[in-house]
C-alpha cells in the first residue's frame, strides 16, 4: 500500500478570493503522484465535505497589519498539536497549485 501524504490548508474564508481553495485542493487530487489526504484548518466552505479542523480567526490585534500572518501562525501551531495531523505533512495555502505531476520527493 502506498504511503499516505497529508496536505493541510490553513484557511480563512473572508480573505479568500473566489474558488482558490477549491482549485488548490483539486490540483493536489489531480497532480499529486501518491495517495493524499486533504485537511482544512480554520473555516470550512459550504461545498467542502472532507476532513476539517474548525478553528476561528484570532481576534484582531492592535497592529492589524500582521493579522493574517498571526492567524496563519496560530492555525499552524494548533495543527501541529492536533491528533488528526500526521507528524509529517505538506502545508498549503489556497493560492498554492500544482500544475503538473508532483511527487513527494519533488516537494521534499
PDB file of N, CA and C in Angstrom:
ATOM      1  N   UNK A   1       0.838  -1.190   0.000  1.00  0.00           N
ATOM      2  CA  UNK A   1       0.000   0.000   0.000  1.00  0.00           C
ATOM      3  C   UNK A   1       0.881   1.251   0.000  1.00  0.00           C
ATOM      4  N   UNK A   2       0.514   2.204  -0.818  1.00  0.00           N
ATOM      5  CA  UNK A   2       1.285   3.449  -0.924  1.00  0.00           C
ATOM      6  C   UNK A   2       1.162   4.267   0.355  1.00  0.00           C
ATOM      7  N   UNK A   3       2.227   4.985   0.663  1.00  0.00           N
ATOM      8  CA  UNK A   3       2.233   5.829   1.849  1.00  0.00           C
ATOM      9  C   UNK A   3       1.308   7.026   1.628  1.00  0.00           C
ATOM     10  N   UNK A   4       0.562   7.368   2.652  1.00  0.00           N
ATOM     11  CA  UNK A   4      -0.378   8.488   2.610  1.00  0.00           C
ATOM     12  C   UNK A   4       0.362   9.780   2.930  1.00  0.00           C
ATOM     13  N   UNK A   5       0.161  10.800   2.115  1.00  0.00           N
ATOM     14  CA  UNK A   5       0.738  12.114   2.365  1.00  0.00           C
ATOM     15  C   UNK A   5      -0.393  13.069   2.715  1.00  0.00           C
ATOM     16  N   UNK A   6      -0.254  13.714   3.845  1.00  0.00           N
ATOM     17  CA  UNK A   6      -1.285  14.646   4.302  1.00  0.00           C
ATOM     18  C   UNK A   6      -0.963  16.058   3.805  1.00  0.00           C
ATOM     19  N   UNK A   7      -1.973  16.703   3.222  1.00  0.00           N
ATOM     20  CA  UNK A   7      -1.884  18.085   2.782  1.00  0.00           C
ATOM     21  C   UNK A   7      -2.814  18.910   3.665  1.00  0.00           C
ATOM     22  N   UNK A   8      -2.269  19.951   4.274  1.00  0.00           N
ATOM     23  CA  UNK A   8      -3.020  20.748   5.246  1.00  0.00           C
ATOM     24  C   UNK A   8      -3.110  22.193   4.758  1.00  0.00           C
ATOM     25  N   UNK A   9      -4.336  22.677   4.621  1.00  0.00           N
ATOM     26  CA  UNK A   9      -4.579  24.069   4.242  1.00  0.00           C
ATOM     27  C   UNK A   9      -4.977  24.866   5.474  1.00  0.00           C
ATOM     28  N   UNK A  10      -4.369  26.028   5.664  1.00  0.00           N
ATOM     29  CA  UNK A  10      -4.754  26.986   6.691  1.00  0.00           C
ATOM     30  C   UNK A  10      -5.679  27.977   5.994  1.00  0.00           C
ATOM     31  N   UNK A  11      -6.939  28.068   6.461  1.00  0.00           N
ATOM     32  CA  UNK A  11      -7.934  28.770   5.648  1.00  0.00           C
ATOM     33  C   UNK A  11      -8.795  29.721   6.465  1.00  0.00           C
ATOM     34  N   UNK A  12      -8.950  30.927   5.919  1.00  0.00           N
ATOM     35  CA  UNK A  12      -9.856  31.935   6.470  1.00  0.00           C
ATOM     36  C   UNK A  12     -10.739  32.415   5.326  1.00  0.00           C
ATOM     37  N   UNK A  13     -12.010  32.114   5.400  1.00  0.00           N
ATOM     38  CA  UNK A  13     -12.937  32.330   4.286  1.00  0.00           C
ATOM     39  C   UNK A  13     -13.069  33.794   3.859  1.00  0.00           C
ATOM     40  N   UNK A  14     -13.120  34.711   4.807  1.00  0.00           N
ATOM     41  CA  UNK A  14     -13.375  36.114   4.460  1.00  0.00           C
ATOM     42  C   UNK A  14     -12.252  36.758   3.654  1.00  0.00           C
ATOM     43  N   UNK A  15     -11.066  36.199   3.691  1.00  0.00           N
ATOM     44  CA  UNK A  15      -9.974  36.739   2.873  1.00  0.00           C
ATOM     45  C   UNK A  15      -9.746  35.927   1.605  1.00  0.00           C
ATOM     46  N   UNK A  16     -10.564  34.910   1.413  1.00  0.00           N
ATOM     47  CA  UNK A  16     -10.426  34.066   0.229  1.00  0.00           C
ATOM     48  C   UNK A  16     -10.934  34.798  -1.003  1.00  0.00           C
ATOM     49  N   UNK A  17     -10.359  34.461  -2.116  1.00  0.00           N
ATOM     50  CA  UNK A  17     -10.774  35.046  -3.383  1.00  0.00           C
ATOM     51  C   UNK A  17     -11.374  33.953  -4.261  1.00  0.00           C
ATOM     52  N   UNK A  18     -12.646  34.081  -4.503  1.00  0.00           N
ATOM     53  CA  UNK A  18     -13.374  33.165  -5.385  1.00  0.00           C
ATOM     54  C   UNK A  18     -13.176  31.711  -4.955  1.00  0.00           C
ATOM     55  N   UNK A  19     -12.761  30.872  -5.877  1.00  0.00           N
ATOM     56  CA  UNK A  19     -12.663  29.436  -5.622  1.00  0.00           C
ATOM     57  C   UNK A  19     -11.222  28.957  -5.497  1.00  0.00           C
ATOM     58  N   UNK A  20     -10.329  29.790  -4.976  1.00  0.00           N
ATOM     59  CA  UNK A  20      -8.917  29.403  -4.891  1.00  0.00           C
ATOM     60  C   UNK A  20      -8.723  28.109  -4.107  1.00  0.00           C
ATOM     61  N   UNK A  21      -9.387  27.960  -2.959  1.00  0.00           N
ATOM     62  CA  UNK A  21      -9.227  26.743  -2.162  1.00  0.00           C
ATOM     63  C   UNK A  21      -9.689  25.520  -2.950  1.00  0.00           C
ATOM     64  N   UNK A  22     -10.815  25.630  -3.602  1.00  0.00           N
ATOM     65  CA  UNK A  22     -11.341  24.518  -4.398  1.00  0.00           C
ATOM     66  C   UNK A  22     -10.332  24.093  -5.473  1.00  0.00           C
ATOM     67  N   UNK A  23      -9.771  25.063  -6.182  1.00  0.00           N
ATOM     68  CA  UNK A  23      -8.818  24.754  -7.242  1.00  0.00           C
ATOM     69  C   UNK A  23      -7.490  24.230  -6.694  1.00  0.00           C
ATOM     70  N   UNK A  24      -7.085  24.741  -5.546  1.00  0.00           N
ATOM     71  CA  UNK A  24      -5.856  24.258  -4.922  1.00  0.00           C
ATOM     72  C   UNK A  24      -5.996  22.788  -4.523  1.00  0.00           C
ATOM     73  N   UNK A  25      -7.109  22.460  -3.887  1.00  0.00           N
ATOM     74  CA  UNK A  25      -7.368  21.075  -3.490  1.00  0.00           C
ATOM     75  C   UNK A  25      -7.451  20.178  -4.729  1.00  0.00           C
ATOM     76  N   UNK A  26      -8.169  20.637  -5.740  1.00  0.00           N
ATOM     77  CA  UNK A  26      -8.279  19.849  -6.980  1.00  0.00           C
ATOM     78  C   UNK A  26      -6.915  19.595  -7.609  1.00  0.00           C
ATOM     79  N   UNK A  27      -6.028  20.583  -7.526  1.00  0.00           N
ATOM     80  CA  UNK A  27      -4.706  20.407  -8.138  1.00  0.00           C
ATOM     81  C   UNK A  27      -3.923  19.301  -7.440  1.00  0.00           C
ATOM     82  N   UNK A  28      -4.067  19.189  -6.131  1.00  0.00           N
ATOM     83  CA  UNK A  28      -3.405  18.102  -5.397  1.00  0.00           C
ATOM     84  C   UNK A  28      -4.035  16.767  -5.780  1.00  0.00           C
ATOM     85  N   UNK A  29      -5.355  16.731  -5.803  1.00  0.00           N
ATOM     86  CA  UNK A  29      -6.045  15.489  -6.158  1.00  0.00           C
ATOM     87  C   UNK A  29      -5.699  15.032  -7.580  1.00  0.00           C
ATOM     88  N   UNK A  30      -5.496  15.968  -8.479  1.00  0.00           N
ATOM     89  CA  UNK A  30      -5.211  15.621  -9.870  1.00  0.00           C
ATOM     90  C   UNK A  30      -3.738  15.310 -10.117  1.00  0.00           C
ATOM     91  N   UNK A  31      -2.829  16.097  -9.529  1.00  0.00           N
ATOM     92  CA  UNK A  31      -1.430  16.018  -9.916  1.00  0.00           C
ATOM     93  C   UNK A  31      -0.492  15.373  -8.899  1.00  0.00           C
ATOM     94  N   UNK A  32      -0.941  15.129  -7.693  1.00  0.00           N
ATOM     95  CA  UNK A  32      -0.024  14.512  -6.735  1.00  0.00           C
ATOM     96  C   UNK A  32       0.138  13.037  -7.068  1.00  0.00           C
ATOM     97  N   UNK A  33       1.377  12.624  -7.236  1.00  0.00           N
ATOM     98  CA  UNK A  33       1.700  11.242  -7.602  1.00  0.00           C
ATOM     99  C   UNK A  33       1.840  10.414  -6.330  1.00  0.00           C
ATOM    100  N   UNK A  34       0.753  10.148  -5.701  1.00  0.00           N
ATOM    101  CA  UNK A  34       0.737   9.385  -4.466  1.00  0.00           C
ATOM    102  C   UNK A  34      -0.651   9.445  -3.871  1.00  0.00           C
ATOM    103  N   UNK A  35      -0.777   8.852  -2.718  1.00  0.00           N
ATOM    104  CA  UNK A  35      -2.058   8.852  -2.025  1.00  0.00           C
ATOM    105  C   UNK A  35      -2.093  10.066  -1.100  1.00  0.00           C
ATOM    106  N   UNK A  36      -3.100  10.924  -1.267  1.00  0.00           N
ATOM    107  CA  UNK A  36      -3.170  12.151  -0.476  1.00  0.00           C
ATOM    108  C   UNK A  36      -4.354  12.142   0.472  1.00  0.00           C
ATOM    109  N   UNK A  37      -4.175  12.869   1.549  1.00  0.00           N
ATOM    110  CA  UNK A  37      -5.271  13.124   2.485  1.00  0.00           C
ATOM    111  C   UNK A  37      -5.346  14.638   2.651  1.00  0.00           C
ATOM    112  N   UNK A  38      -6.528  15.187   2.422  1.00  0.00           N
ATOM    113  CA  UNK A  38      -6.748  16.626   2.462  1.00  0.00           C
ATOM    114  C   UNK A  38      -7.331  17.005   3.827  1.00  0.00           C
ATOM    115  N   UNK A  39      -6.765  18.057   4.440  1.00  0.00           N
ATOM    116  CA  UNK A  39      -7.282  18.572   5.709  1.00  0.00           C
ATOM    117  C   UNK A  39      -7.315  20.096   5.621  1.00  0.00           C
ATOM    118  N   UNK A  40      -8.445  20.682   5.984  1.00  0.00           N
ATOM    119  CA  UNK A  40      -8.577  22.136   6.037  1.00  0.00           C
ATOM    120  C   UNK A  40      -8.638  22.539   7.504  1.00  0.00           C
ATOM    121  N   UNK A  41      -7.788  23.492   7.897  1.00  0.00           N
ATOM    122  CA  UNK A  41      -7.755  24.002   9.269  1.00  0.00           C
ATOM    123  C   UNK A  41      -8.241  25.442   9.233  1.00  0.00           C
ATOM    124  N   UNK A  42      -9.253  25.736  10.033  1.00  0.00           N
ATOM    125  CA  UNK A  42      -9.821  27.083  10.079  1.00  0.00           C
ATOM    126  C   UNK A  42     -11.272  27.037   9.673  1.00  0.00           C
ATOM    127  N   UNK A  43     -11.650  27.914   8.746  1.00  0.00           N
ATOM    128  CA  UNK A  43     -13.024  27.950   8.247  1.00  0.00           C
ATOM    129  C   UNK A  43     -13.264  26.799   7.277  1.00  0.00           C
ATOM    130  N   UNK A  44     -14.545  26.500   7.090  1.00  0.00           N
ATOM    131  CA  UNK A  44     -14.910  25.421   6.171  1.00  0.00           C
ATOM    132  C   UNK A  44     -15.936  25.951   5.169  1.00  0.00           C
ATOM    133  N   UNK A  45     -15.575  26.005   3.887  1.00  0.00           N
ATOM    134  CA  UNK A  45     -16.545  26.460   2.892  1.00  0.00           C
ATOM    135  C   UNK A  45     -17.731  25.502   2.813  1.00  0.00           C
ATOM    136  N   UNK A  46     -18.875  26.011   2.391  1.00  0.00           N
ATOM    137  CA  UNK A  46     -20.095  25.193   2.303  1.00  0.00           C
ATOM    138  C   UNK A  46     -19.913  23.969   1.417  1.00  0.00           C
ATOM    139  N   UNK A  47     -19.148  24.076   0.353  1.00  0.00           N
ATOM    140  CA  UNK A  47     -19.010  22.992  -0.613  1.00  0.00           C
ATOM    141  C   UNK A  47     -18.064  21.893  -0.144  1.00  0.00           C
ATOM    142  N   UNK A  48     -17.214  22.176   0.851  1.00  0.00           N
ATOM    143  CA  UNK A  48     -16.197  21.215   1.275  1.00  0.00           C
ATOM    144  C   UNK A  48     -16.778  20.233   2.281  1.00  0.00           C
ATOM    145  N   UNK A  49     -16.570  18.943   2.025  1.00  0.00           N
ATOM    146  CA  UNK A  49     -17.121  17.927   2.928  1.00  0.00           C
ATOM    147  C   UNK A  49     -16.055  16.936   3.387  1.00  0.00           C
ATOM    148  N   UNK A  50     -14.789  17.321   3.303  1.00  0.00           N
ATOM    149  CA  UNK A  50     -13.697  16.449   3.713  1.00  0.00           C
ATOM    150  C   UNK A  50     -13.277  16.696   5.153  1.00  0.00           C
ATOM    151  N   UNK A  51     -12.073  16.263   5.475  1.00  0.00           N
ATOM    152  CA  UNK A  51     -11.535  16.437   6.827  1.00  0.00           C
ATOM    153  C   UNK A  51     -11.374  17.924   7.137  1.00  0.00           C
ATOM    154  N   UNK A  52     -11.818  18.301   8.324  1.00  0.00           N
ATOM    155  CA  UNK A  52     -11.803  19.715   8.702  1.00  0.00           C
ATOM    156  C   UNK A  52     -11.545  19.837  10.195  1.00  0.00           C
ATOM    157  N   UNK A  53     -10.660  20.752  10.547  1.00  0.00           N
ATOM    158  CA  UNK A  53     -10.416  21.101  11.946  1.00  0.00           C
ATOM    159  C   UNK A  53     -10.877  22.543  12.107  1.00  0.00           C
ATOM    160  N   UNK A  54     -12.014  22.722  12.745  1.00  0.00           N
ATOM    161  CA  UNK A  54     -12.598  24.059  12.917  1.00  0.00           C
ATOM    162  C   UNK A  54     -11.753  24.876  13.883  1.00  0.00           C
ATOM    163  N   UNK A  55     -11.447  26.081  13.473  1.00  0.00           N
ATOM    164  CA  UNK A  55     -10.651  26.976  14.299  1.00  0.00           C
ATOM    165  C   UNK A  55     -11.002  28.403  13.892  1.00  0.00           C
ATOM    166  N   UNK A  56     -11.540  29.196  14.832  1.00  0.00           N
ATOM    167  CA  UNK A  56     -11.940  30.559  14.472  1.00  0.00           C
ATOM    168  C   UNK A  56     -10.726  31.461  14.241  1.00  0.00           C
ATOM    169  N   UNK A  57     -10.958  32.533  13.561  1.00  0.00           N
ATOM    170  CA  UNK A  57      -9.934  33.566  13.331  1.00  0.00           C
ATOM    171  C   UNK A  57      -9.564  34.171  14.681  1.00  0.00           C
ATOM    172  N   UNK A  58      -8.293  34.466  14.877  1.00  0.00           N
ATOM    173  CA  UNK A  58      -7.878  35.094  16.127  1.00  0.00           C
ATOM    174  C   UNK A  58      -8.394  36.540  16.143  1.00  0.00           C
ATOM    175  N   UNK A  59      -8.620  37.091  17.328  1.00  0.00           N
ATOM    176  CA  UNK A  59      -9.059  38.490  17.398  1.00  0.00           C
ATOM    177  C   UNK A  59      -8.011  39.408  16.772  1.00  0.00           C
ATOM    178  N   UNK A  60      -8.485  40.486  16.182  1.00  0.00           N
ATOM    179  CA  UNK A  60      -7.572  41.414  15.523  1.00  0.00           C
ATOM    180  C   UNK A  60      -6.736  42.154  16.552  1.00  0.00           C
ATOM    181  N   UNK A  61      -5.404  42.094  16.410  1.00  0.00           N
ATOM    182  CA  UNK A  61      -4.529  42.790  17.359  1.00  0.00           C
ATOM    183  C   UNK A  61      -4.517  44.295  17.066  1.00  0.00           C
ATOM    184  N   UNK A  62      -3.893  45.034  17.952  1.00  0.00           N
ATOM    185  CA  UNK A  62      -3.805  46.482  17.751  1.00  0.00           C
ATOM    186  C   UNK A  62      -3.120  46.813  16.435  1.00  0.00           C
ATOM    187  N   UNK A  63      -2.065  46.101  16.118  1.00  0.00           N
ATOM    188  CA  UNK A  63      -1.362  46.310  14.856  1.00  0.00           C
ATOM    189  C   UNK A  63      -1.924  45.320  13.840  1.00  0.00           C
ATOM    190  N   UNK A  64      -3.013  45.680  13.203  1.00  0.00           N
ATOM    191  CA  UNK A  64      -3.725  44.775  12.298  1.00  0.00           C
ATOM    192  C   UNK A  64      -2.936  44.451  11.037  1.00  0.00           C
ATOM    193  N   UNK A  65      -1.836  45.131  10.814  1.00  0.00           N
ATOM    194  CA  UNK A  65      -1.031  44.915   9.620  1.00  0.00           C
ATOM    195  C   UNK A  65      -0.551  43.465   9.507  1.00  0.00           C
ATOM    196  N   UNK A  66      -0.347  42.813  10.626  1.00  0.00           N
ATOM    197  CA  UNK A  66       0.171  41.447  10.631  1.00  0.00           C
ATOM    198  C   UNK A  66      -0.887  40.419  11.033  1.00  0.00           C
ATOM    199  N   UNK A  67      -2.155  40.799  10.983  1.00  0.00           N
ATOM    200  CA  UNK A  67      -3.232  39.923  11.431  1.00  0.00           C
ATOM    201  C   UNK A  67      -3.242  38.593  10.676  1.00  0.00           C
ATOM    202  N   UNK A  68      -3.130  38.636   9.366  1.00  0.00           N
ATOM    203  CA  UNK A  68      -3.171  37.402   8.568  1.00  0.00           C
ATOM    204  C   UNK A  68      -2.002  36.487   8.911  1.00  0.00           C
ATOM    205  N   UNK A  69      -0.825  37.054   9.116  1.00  0.00           N
ATOM    206  CA  UNK A  69       0.361  36.256   9.460  1.00  0.00           C
ATOM    207  C   UNK A  69       0.181  35.621  10.835  1.00  0.00           C
ATOM    208  N   UNK A  70      -0.303  36.397  11.795  1.00  0.00           N
ATOM    209  CA  UNK A  70      -0.525  35.863  13.145  1.00  0.00           C
ATOM    210  C   UNK A  70      -1.582  34.775  13.134  1.00  0.00           C
ATOM    211  N   UNK A  71      -2.638  34.969  12.354  1.00  0.00           N
ATOM    212  CA  UNK A  71      -3.707  33.973  12.283  1.00  0.00           C
ATOM    213  C   UNK A  71      -3.197  32.677  11.658  1.00  0.00           C
ATOM    214  N   UNK A  72      -2.416  32.784  10.595  1.00  0.00           N
ATOM    215  CA  UNK A  72      -1.847  31.581   9.971  1.00  0.00           C
ATOM    216  C   UNK A  72      -0.914  30.857  10.933  1.00  0.00           C
ATOM    217  N   UNK A  73      -0.123  31.616  11.669  1.00  0.00           N
ATOM    218  CA  UNK A  73       0.782  31.028  12.653  1.00  0.00           C
ATOM    219  C   UNK A  73      -0.004  30.303  13.748  1.00  0.00           C
ATOM    220  N   UNK A  74      -1.080  30.910  14.206  1.00  0.00           N
ATOM    221  CA  UNK A  74      -1.954  30.312  15.216  1.00  0.00           C
ATOM    222  C   UNK A  74      -2.549  28.996  14.700  1.00  0.00           C
ATOM    223  N   UNK A  75      -3.044  29.007  13.468  1.00  0.00           N
ATOM    224  CA  UNK A  75      -3.633  27.793  12.885  1.00  0.00           C
ATOM    225  C   UNK A  75      -2.582  26.700  12.716  1.00  0.00           C
ATOM    226  N   UNK A  76      -1.389  27.076  12.295  1.00  0.00           N
ATOM    227  CA  UNK A  76      -0.316  26.100  12.129  1.00  0.00           C
ATOM    228  C   UNK A  76       0.078  25.496  13.471  1.00  0.00           C
ATOM    229  N   UNK A  77       0.210  26.316  14.501  1.00  0.00           N
ATOM    230  CA  UNK A  77       0.550  25.799  15.831  1.00  0.00           C
ATOM    231  C   UNK A  77      -0.519  24.836  16.329  1.00  0.00           C
ATOM    232  N   UNK A  78      -1.778  25.158  16.099  1.00  0.00           N
ATOM    233  CA  UNK A  78      -2.877  24.285  16.501  1.00  0.00           C
ATOM    234  C   UNK A  78      -2.813  22.962  15.736  1.00  0.00           C
ATOM    235  N   UNK A  79      -2.559  23.047  14.428  1.00  0.00           N
ATOM    236  CA  UNK A  79      -2.473  21.834  13.603  1.00  0.00           C
ATOM    237  C   UNK A  79      -1.331  20.933  14.076  1.00  0.00           C
ATOM    238  N   UNK A  80      -0.194  21.527  14.416  1.00  0.00           N
ATOM    239  CA  UNK A  80       0.962  20.745  14.858  1.00  0.00           C
ATOM    240  C   UNK A  80       0.669  19.935  16.118  1.00  0.00           C
ATOM    241  N   UNK A  81      -0.248  20.409  16.938  1.00  0.00           N
ATOM    242  CA  UNK A  81      -0.598  19.708  18.182  1.00  0.00           C
ATOM    243  C   UNK A  81      -1.849  18.841  18.056  1.00  0.00           C
ATOM    244  N   UNK A  82      -2.527  18.913  16.932  1.00  0.00           N
ATOM    245  CA  UNK A  82      -3.797  18.198  16.769  1.00  0.00           C
ATOM    246  C   UNK A  82      -3.545  16.716  16.478  1.00  0.00           C
ATOM    247  N   UNK A  83      -4.290  15.812  17.130  1.00  0.00           N
ATOM    248  CA  UNK A  83      -4.052  14.370  16.941  1.00  0.00           C
ATOM    249  C   UNK A  83      -4.370  13.861  15.530  1.00  0.00           C
ATOM    250  N   UNK A  84      -5.170  14.587  14.748  1.00  0.00           N
ATOM    251  CA  UNK A  84      -5.505  14.144  13.396  1.00  0.00           C
ATOM    252  C   UNK A  84      -4.470  14.564  12.351  1.00  0.00           C
ATOM    253  N   UNK A  85      -3.467  15.319  12.778  1.00  0.00           N
ATOM    254  CA  UNK A  85      -2.435  15.763  11.856  1.00  0.00           C
ATOM    255  C   UNK A  85      -1.203  14.868  12.020  1.00  0.00           C
ATOM    256  N   UNK A  86      -0.703  14.383  10.893  1.00  0.00           N
ATOM    257  CA  UNK A  86       0.452  13.483  10.891  1.00  0.00           C
ATOM    258  C   UNK A  86       1.711  14.213  11.346  1.00  0.00           C
ATOM    259  N   UNK A  87       2.718  13.443  11.748  1.00  0.00           N
ATOM    260  CA  UNK A  87       4.000  14.036  12.146  1.00  0.00           C
ATOM    261  C   UNK A  87       4.669  14.755  10.980  1.00  0.00           C
ATOM    262  N   UNK A  88       4.394  14.296   9.772  1.00  0.00           N
ATOM    263  CA  UNK A  88       4.950  14.904   8.575  1.00  0.00           C
ATOM    264  C   UNK A  88       3.793  15.209   7.624  1.00  0.00           C
ATOM    265  N   UNK A  89       3.723  16.453   7.145  1.00  0.00           N
ATOM    266  CA  UNK A  89       2.652  16.844   6.234  1.00  0.00           C
ATOM    267  C   UNK A  89       3.139  17.968   5.338  1.00  0.00           C
ATOM    268  N   UNK A  90       2.341  18.269   4.316  1.00  0.00           N
ATOM    269  CA  UNK A  90       2.651  19.360   3.399  1.00  0.00           C
ATOM    270  C   UNK A  90       1.696  20.503   3.720  1.00  0.00           C
ATOM    271  N   UNK A  91       2.267  21.654   4.044  1.00  0.00           N
ATOM    272  CA  UNK A  91       1.438  22.818   4.363  1.00  0.00           C
ATOM    273  C   UNK A  91       1.067  23.520   3.062  1.00  0.00           C
ATOM    274  N   UNK A  92      -0.187  23.907   2.949  1.00  0.00           N
ATOM    275  CA  UNK A  92      -0.688  24.541   1.727  1.00  0.00           C
ATOM    276  C   UNK A  92      -1.446  25.822   2.089  1.00  0.00           C
ATOM    277  N   UNK A  93      -1.585  26.672   1.105  1.00  0.00           N
ATOM    278  CA  UNK A  93      -2.450  27.845   1.196  1.00  0.00           C
ATOM    279  C   UNK A  93      -3.372  27.792  -0.015  1.00  0.00           C
ATOM    280  N   UNK A  94      -4.452  28.546   0.030  1.00  0.00           N
ATOM    281  CA  UNK A  94      -5.435  28.434  -1.049  1.00  0.00           C
ATOM    282  C   UNK A  94      -4.937  28.965  -2.393  1.00  0.00           C
ATOM    283  N   UNK A  95      -3.807  29.644  -2.396  1.00  0.00           N
ATOM    284  CA  UNK A  95      -3.263  30.096  -3.681  1.00  0.00           C
ATOM    285  C   UNK A  95      -2.038  29.289  -4.110  1.00  0.00           C
ATOM    286  N   UNK A  96      -1.880  28.106  -3.551  1.00  0.00           N
ATOM    287  CA  UNK A  96      -0.836  27.167  -3.971  1.00  0.00           C
ATOM    288  C   UNK A  96      -1.480  26.122  -4.878  1.00  0.00           C
ATOM    289  N   UNK A  97      -0.889  25.929  -6.064  1.00  0.00           N
ATOM    290  CA  UNK A  97      -1.448  24.986  -7.037  1.00  0.00           C
ATOM    291  C   UNK A  97      -0.342  24.124  -7.631  1.00  0.00           C
ATOM    292  N   UNK A  98      -0.674  22.876  -7.908  1.00  0.00           N
ATOM    293  CA  UNK A  98       0.203  22.016  -8.692  1.00  0.00           C
ATOM    294  C   UNK A  98      -0.271  22.121 -10.137  1.00  0.00           C
ATOM    295  N   UNK A  99       0.652  22.336 -11.048  1.00  0.00           N
ATOM    296  CA  UNK A  99       0.301  22.493 -12.459  1.00  0.00           C
ATOM    297  C   UNK A  99       0.789  21.333 -13.313  1.00  0.00           C
ATOM    298  N   UNK A 100       1.491  20.402 -12.673  1.00  0.00           N
ATOM    299  CA  UNK A 100       1.975  19.204 -13.362  1.00  0.00           C
ATOM    300  C   UNK A 100       2.104  18.111 -12.315  1.00  0.00           C
ATOM    301  N   UNK A 101       2.427  16.915 -12.763  1.00  0.00           N
ATOM    302  CA  UNK A 101       2.601  15.771 -11.867  1.00  0.00           C
ATOM    303  C   UNK A 101       3.697  16.091 -10.861  1.00  0.00           C
ATOM    304  N   UNK A 102       3.412  15.892  -9.565  1.00  0.00           N
ATOM    305  CA  UNK A 102       4.342  16.195  -8.485  1.00  0.00           C
ATOM    306  C   UNK A 102       4.399  15.006  -7.526  1.00  0.00           C
ATOM    307  N   UNK A 103       5.608  14.602  -7.164  1.00  0.00           N
ATOM    308  CA  UNK A 103       5.771  13.512  -6.213  1.00  0.00           C
ATOM    309  C   UNK A 103       6.177  14.089  -4.852  1.00  0.00           C
ATOM    310  N   UNK A 104       6.141  13.259  -3.843  1.00  0.00           N
ATOM    311  CA  UNK A 104       6.585  13.686  -2.528  1.00  0.00           C
ATOM    312  C   UNK A 104       8.068  14.057  -2.563  1.00  0.00           C
ATOM    313  N   UNK A 105       8.859  13.321  -3.329  1.00  0.00           N
ATOM    314  CA  UNK A 105      10.279  13.636  -3.476  1.00  0.00           C
ATOM    315  C   UNK A 105      10.477  15.039  -4.069  1.00  0.00           C
ATOM    316  N   UNK A 106       9.624  15.411  -5.019  1.00  0.00           N
ATOM    317  CA  UNK A 106       9.696  16.761  -5.595  1.00  0.00           C
ATOM    318  C   UNK A 106       9.452  17.820  -4.524  1.00  0.00           C
ATOM    319  N   UNK A 107       8.506  17.577  -3.664  1.00  0.00           N
ATOM    320  CA  UNK A 107       8.135  18.531  -2.615  1.00  0.00           C
ATOM    321  C   UNK A 107       9.242  18.621  -1.560  1.00  0.00           C
ATOM    322  N   UNK A 108       9.786  17.459  -1.212  1.00  0.00           N
ATOM    323  CA  UNK A 108      10.847  17.447  -0.188  1.00  0.00           C
ATOM    324  C   UNK A 108      12.087  18.108  -0.690  1.00  0.00           C
TER     325      UNK A 108
END
